[in-house]
C-alpha atoms as a PDB file:
ATOM      1  CA  MET A   1      -8.860 -24.179 -12.018  1.00  0.00           C
ATOM      2  CA  ASP A   2      -9.397 -20.301 -13.136  1.00  0.00           C
ATOM      3  CA  SER A   3      -6.845 -17.962 -11.286  1.00  0.00           C
ATOM      4  CA  ILE A   4      -8.439 -15.772  -8.815  1.00  0.00           C
ATOM      5  CA  PHE A   5      -6.019 -13.463  -7.251  1.00  0.00           C
ATOM      6  CA  ASN A   6      -2.382 -12.607  -8.725  1.00  0.00           C
ATOM      7  CA  ALA A   7       0.686 -11.740  -6.621  1.00  0.00           C
ATOM      8  CA  VAL A   8      -0.430  -8.671  -6.102  1.00  0.00           C
ATOM      9  CA  ASP A   9      -3.297 -10.274  -3.877  1.00  0.00           C
ATOM     10  CA  VAL A  10      -1.291 -12.783  -2.680  1.00  0.00           C
ATOM     11  CA  PHE A  11       0.679 -10.262  -0.820  1.00  0.00           C
ATOM     12  CA  LYS A  12      -2.073  -7.988   0.307  1.00  0.00           C
ATOM     13  CA  ILE A  13      -3.636 -11.155   1.513  1.00  0.00           C
ATOM     14  CA  ALA A  14      -0.133 -11.455   3.623  1.00  0.00           C
ATOM     15  CA  GLU A  15       0.312  -8.208   4.972  1.00  0.00           C
ATOM     16  CA  THR A  16      -3.461  -8.573   6.044  1.00  0.00           C
ATOM     17  CA  ILE A  17      -2.450 -11.887   7.775  1.00  0.00           C
ATOM     18  CA  GLU A  18       0.504 -10.261   9.453  1.00  0.00           C
ATOM     19  CA  GLN A  19      -1.438  -6.921  10.739  1.00  0.00           C
ATOM     20  CA  ASP A  20      -4.013  -9.105  12.244  1.00  0.00           C
ATOM     21  CA  GLY A  21      -1.420 -11.399  13.885  1.00  0.00           C
ATOM     22  CA  ALA A  22       0.846  -8.702  15.251  1.00  0.00           C
ATOM     23  CA  LYS A  23      -2.858  -7.336  16.742  1.00  0.00           C
ATOM     24  CA  PHE A  24      -3.264 -10.717  17.949  1.00  0.00           C
ATOM     25  CA  TYR A  25       0.131 -11.134  19.853  1.00  0.00           C
ATOM     26  CA  ASP A  26      -0.168  -7.762  21.089  1.00  0.00           C
ATOM     27  CA  ASP A  27      -3.197  -7.925  22.641  1.00  0.00           C
ATOM     28  CA  ALA A  28      -2.275 -11.837  23.759  1.00  0.00           C
ATOM     29  CA  ALA A  29       0.908  -9.650  25.644  1.00  0.00           C
ATOM     30  CA  LYS A  30      -1.736  -7.998  27.854  1.00  0.00           C
ATOM     31  CA  LEU A  31      -3.141 -10.934  28.827  1.00  0.00           C
ATOM     32  CA  PHE A  32      -0.464 -12.248  30.987  1.00  0.00           C
ATOM     33  CA  GLU A  33       1.302 -10.943  33.759  1.00  0.00           C
ATOM     34  CA  GLU A  34       4.279 -13.495  33.549  1.00  0.00           C
ATOM     35  CA  GLU A  35       6.787 -11.223  32.185  1.00  0.00           C
ATOM     36  CA  ASP A  36       8.094 -14.497  30.378  1.00  0.00           C
ATOM     37  CA  VAL A  37       4.796 -14.758  28.742  1.00  0.00           C
ATOM     38  CA  SER A  38       3.968 -11.532  27.497  1.00  0.00           C
ATOM     39  CA  LYS A  39       7.266 -11.177  26.064  1.00  0.00           C
ATOM     40  CA  ILE A  40       7.099 -13.773  24.116  1.00  0.00           C
ATOM     41  CA  PHE A  41       4.358 -12.733  22.933  1.00  0.00           C
ATOM     42  CA  THR A  42       5.200  -9.346  22.284  1.00  0.00           C
ATOM     43  CA  ARG A  43       8.339 -10.410  20.017  1.00  0.00           C
ATOM     44  CA  LEU A  44       5.658 -12.407  17.763  1.00  0.00           C
ATOM     45  CA  ALA A  45       4.447  -9.209  17.557  1.00  0.00           C
ATOM     46  CA  GLN A  46       7.719  -7.554  16.368  1.00  0.00           C
ATOM     47  CA  TRP A  47       7.812 -10.549  13.868  1.00  0.00           C
ATOM     48  CA  GLU A  48       4.667 -10.078  12.393  1.00  0.00           C
ATOM     49  CA  ILE A  49       5.592  -6.500  11.853  1.00  0.00           C
ATOM     50  CA  GLN A  50       8.927  -7.197  10.168  1.00  0.00           C
ATOM     51  CA  HIS A  51       7.183  -9.435   8.165  1.00  0.00           C
ATOM     52  CA  LYS A  52       4.363  -7.304   6.756  1.00  0.00           C
ATOM     53  CA  LYS A  53       7.120  -4.763   5.945  1.00  0.00           C
ATOM     54  CA  VAL A  54       8.837  -7.649   4.192  1.00  0.00           C
ATOM     55  CA  PHE A  55       5.699  -8.582   2.117  1.00  0.00           C
ATOM     56  CA  ALA A  56       5.449  -5.393   1.242  1.00  0.00           C
ATOM     57  CA  GLN A  57       8.458  -4.948  -0.012  1.00  0.00           C
ATOM     58  CA  MET A  58       7.946  -7.708  -2.174  1.00  0.00           C
ATOM     59  CA  ARG A  59       4.508  -6.544  -3.084  1.00  0.00           C
ATOM     60  CA  GLU A  60       6.334  -3.152  -4.331  1.00  0.00           C
ATOM     61  CA  LYS A  61       9.571  -5.298  -6.567  1.00  0.00           C
ATOM     62  CA  VAL A  62       6.629  -7.570  -8.460  1.00  0.00           C
ATOM     63  CA  THR A  63       4.223  -4.553  -9.086  1.00  0.00           C
ATOM     64  CA  GLN A  64       7.394  -2.825 -10.816  1.00  0.00           C
ATOM     65  CA  GLN A  65       8.490  -5.692 -12.938  1.00  0.00           C
ATOM     66  CA  HIS A  66       5.155  -6.272 -13.645  1.00  0.00           C
ATOM     67  CA  PRO A  67       2.902  -3.590 -13.841  1.00  0.00           C
ATOM     68  CA  LYS A  68       0.046  -4.850 -16.458  1.00  0.00           C
ATOM     69  CA  LEU A  69      -0.962  -6.415 -12.932  1.00  0.00           C
ATOM     70  CA  GLY A  70      -2.221  -3.548 -11.597  1.00  0.00           C
ATOM     71  CA  PRO A  71      -3.517  -2.775  -8.102  1.00  0.00           C
ATOM     72  CA  GLY A  72      -4.909  -6.592  -7.569  1.00  0.00           C
ATOM     73  CA  THR A  73      -8.218  -7.067  -6.437  1.00  0.00           C
ATOM     74  CA  GLU A  74     -10.502  -6.430  -3.268  1.00  0.00           C
ATOM     75  CA  GLU A  75     -11.453  -9.299  -2.943  1.00  0.00           C
ATOM     76  CA  TYR A  76      -7.912 -10.221  -1.280  1.00  0.00           C
ATOM     77  CA  LYS A  77      -9.334  -8.525   1.895  1.00  0.00           C
ATOM     78  CA  ALA A  78     -12.409 -11.345   2.010  1.00  0.00           C
ATOM     79  CA  VAL A  79      -9.694 -14.160   1.724  1.00  0.00           C
ATOM     80  CA  ALA A  80      -6.975 -12.543   4.248  1.00  0.00           C
ATOM     81  CA  ALA A  81     -10.235 -12.576   6.968  1.00  0.00           C
ATOM     82  CA  LEU A  82     -10.604 -16.562   7.046  1.00  0.00           C
ATOM     83  CA  SER A  83      -6.936 -16.789   7.989  1.00  0.00           C
ATOM     84  CA  THR A  84      -6.058 -18.060  11.786  1.00  0.00           C
ATOM     85  CA  PHE A  85      -5.726 -14.584  13.087  1.00  0.00           C
ATOM     86  CA  SER A  86      -9.019 -13.199  11.686  1.00  0.00           C
ATOM     87  CA  LEU A  87     -11.174 -10.589  13.835  1.00  0.00           C
ATOM     88  CA  TRP A  88     -13.171 -13.642  15.495  1.00  0.00           C
ATOM     89  CA  ALA A  89      -9.579 -15.131  17.020  1.00  0.00           C
ATOM     90  CA  THR A  90      -9.001 -12.828  19.941  1.00  0.00           C
ATOM     91  CA  PRO A  91      -6.374 -14.029  22.463  1.00  0.00           C
ATOM     92  CA  HIS A  92      -8.841 -13.693  25.254  1.00  0.00           C
ATOM     93  CA  ARG A  93     -11.053 -16.845  23.910  1.00  0.00           C
ATOM     94  CA  GLN A  94      -8.040 -18.885  22.700  1.00  0.00           C
ATOM     95  CA  LEU A  95      -5.622 -18.578  25.260  1.00  0.00           C
ATOM     96  CA  SER A  96      -8.114 -18.646  28.734  1.00  0.00           C
ATOM     97  CA  GLY A  97      -6.451 -21.080  30.813  1.00  0.00           C
ATOM     98  CA  MET A  98      -3.233 -20.829  29.936  1.00  0.00           C
ATOM     99  CA  ASP A  99      -0.507 -19.700  31.808  1.00  0.00           C
ATOM    100  CA  SER A 100       2.557 -21.615  31.172  1.00  0.00           C
ATOM    101  CA  ARG A 101       5.680 -20.455  28.987  1.00  0.00           C
ATOM    102  CA  GLU A 102       5.053 -24.229  27.511  1.00  0.00           C
ATOM    103  CA  ASP A 103       1.412 -24.135  26.459  1.00  0.00           C
ATOM    104  CA  VAL A 104       1.831 -20.282  25.033  1.00  0.00           C
ATOM    105  CA  ILE A 105       4.789 -21.270  22.947  1.00  0.00           C
ATOM    106  CA  ARG A 106       2.561 -24.097  21.217  1.00  0.00           C
ATOM    107  CA  GLN A 107      -0.224 -21.890  20.653  1.00  0.00           C
ATOM    108  CA  ALA A 108       1.734 -19.907  18.675  1.00  0.00           C
ATOM    109  CA  LEU A 109       3.446 -23.000  17.355  1.00  0.00           C
ATOM    110  CA  GLN A 110       0.123 -24.151  16.261  1.00  0.00           C
ATOM    111  CA  LYS A 111      -1.099 -20.530  15.080  1.00  0.00           C
ATOM    112  CA  GLU A 112       1.901 -20.325  12.546  1.00  0.00           C
ATOM    113  CA  LYS A 113       1.408 -24.047  11.133  1.00  0.00           C
ATOM    114  CA  ASP A 114      -2.226 -23.139  10.425  1.00  0.00           C
ATOM    115  CA  THR A 115      -0.978 -19.938   8.850  1.00  0.00           C
ATOM    116  CA  ILE A 116       1.638 -22.117   6.102  1.00  0.00           C
ATOM    117  CA  VAL A 117      -1.877 -24.478   5.890  1.00  0.00           C
ATOM    118  CA  PHE A 118      -3.875 -21.576   4.995  1.00  0.00           C
ATOM    119  CA  TYR A 119      -1.315 -20.234   2.076  1.00  0.00           C
ATOM    120  CA  VAL A 120      -1.066 -24.046   0.413  1.00  0.00           C
ATOM    121  CA  GLY A 121      -4.702 -23.867   0.512  1.00  0.00           C
ATOM    122  CA  LEU A 122      -4.044 -20.087  -1.322  1.00  0.00           C
ATOM    123  CA  LYS A 123      -1.836 -21.453  -4.213  1.00  0.00           C
ATOM    124  CA  ASP A 124      -5.290 -23.141  -6.135  1.00  0.00           C
ATOM    125  CA  PHE A 125      -6.577 -19.766  -6.410  1.00  0.00           C
ATOM    126  CA  VAL A 126      -3.401 -18.470  -8.201  1.00  0.00           C
ATOM    127  CA  GLY A 127      -3.118 -19.234 -12.236  1.00  0.00           C
ATOM    128  CA  THR A 128       0.314 -18.668 -12.954  1.00  0.00           C
ATOM    129  CA  HIS A 129       3.495 -20.900 -12.001  1.00  0.00           C
ATOM    130  CA  GLU A 130       5.569 -17.285 -10.661  1.00  0.00           C
ATOM    131  CA  ASP A 131       2.550 -16.846  -8.340  1.00  0.00           C
ATOM    132  CA  LYS A 132       2.675 -20.310  -6.876  1.00  0.00           C
ATOM    133  CA  GLU A 133       6.660 -19.715  -6.371  1.00  0.00           C
ATOM    134  CA  ILE A 134       5.649 -16.359  -4.694  1.00  0.00           C
ATOM    135  CA  ILE A 135       3.292 -18.506  -2.266  1.00  0.00           C
ATOM    136  CA  ASN A 136       6.481 -20.164  -1.560  1.00  0.00           C
ATOM    137  CA  ASP A 137       8.778 -17.684  -0.607  1.00  0.00           C
ATOM    138  CA  ILE A 138       5.941 -16.414   1.780  1.00  0.00           C
ATOM    139  CA  ILE A 139       5.833 -20.157   3.398  1.00  0.00           C
ATOM    140  CA  GLY A 140       9.779 -19.940   3.622  1.00  0.00           C
ATOM    141  CA  GLU A 141       9.392 -16.676   5.660  1.00  0.00           C
ATOM    142  CA  GLU A 142       6.396 -18.389   8.011  1.00  0.00           C
ATOM    143  CA  MET A 143       9.024 -21.605   8.774  1.00  0.00           C
ATOM    144  CA  LYS A 144      11.251 -18.823   9.842  1.00  0.00           C
ATOM    145  CA  HIS A 145       8.933 -18.576  12.900  1.00  0.00           C
ATOM    146  CA  ILE A 146       7.811 -21.939  13.418  1.00  0.00           C
ATOM    147  CA  SER A 147      11.531 -22.507  13.915  1.00  0.00           C
ATOM    148  CA  ILE A 148      12.346 -19.882  16.287  1.00  0.00           C
ATOM    149  CA  LEU A 149       9.486 -21.085  18.637  1.00  0.00           C
ATOM    150  CA  THR A 150      10.592 -24.913  18.219  1.00  0.00           C
ATOM    151  CA  GLU A 151      13.494 -23.563  19.345  1.00  0.00           C
ATOM    152  CA  ALA A 152      12.574 -21.723  22.160  1.00  0.00           C
ATOM    153  CA  LEU A 153      10.067 -24.412  23.379  1.00  0.00           C
ATOM    154  CA  GLY A 154      13.574 -26.814  22.773  1.00  0.00           C
ATOM    155  CA  ASN A 155      14.594 -24.460  25.652  1.00  0.00           C
ATOM    156  CA  ASP A 156      11.821 -25.214  27.924  1.00  0.00           C
ATOM    157  CA  ASN A 157      12.694 -28.534  28.194  1.00  0.00           C
END
């Protein structure tokens, strides 16, 4: 398959997903009166914001190292909209009926897993080994969320 996206595009996709994830989790935090549950979502929003910054720094580094990549394409926006945190993924619809800390953590864990699956699929749309490695780096960052959430889930038992 011909490459559709380069490393710059991949980072822009990742940054958009993190931004959408932060908004999702911030909105979700406002849905729950239980302080413990609300704090989980607030923390997740903060993680997403930090990851967006990490991915922006990684994009800048790649851009400096490989100026021929240019600014990337605008198609990244359409691809980012397909992620688990897209505009249709409103917290109210996805979290209604959930009131336990365990349910909330499980939902967040599933969203993070879905994000990783999204990135694995994205590998088919980049052409170079280096771009695939960048996606692997992004997946590694996302795995940190899964580890933290899994640990939080374990603390509930």
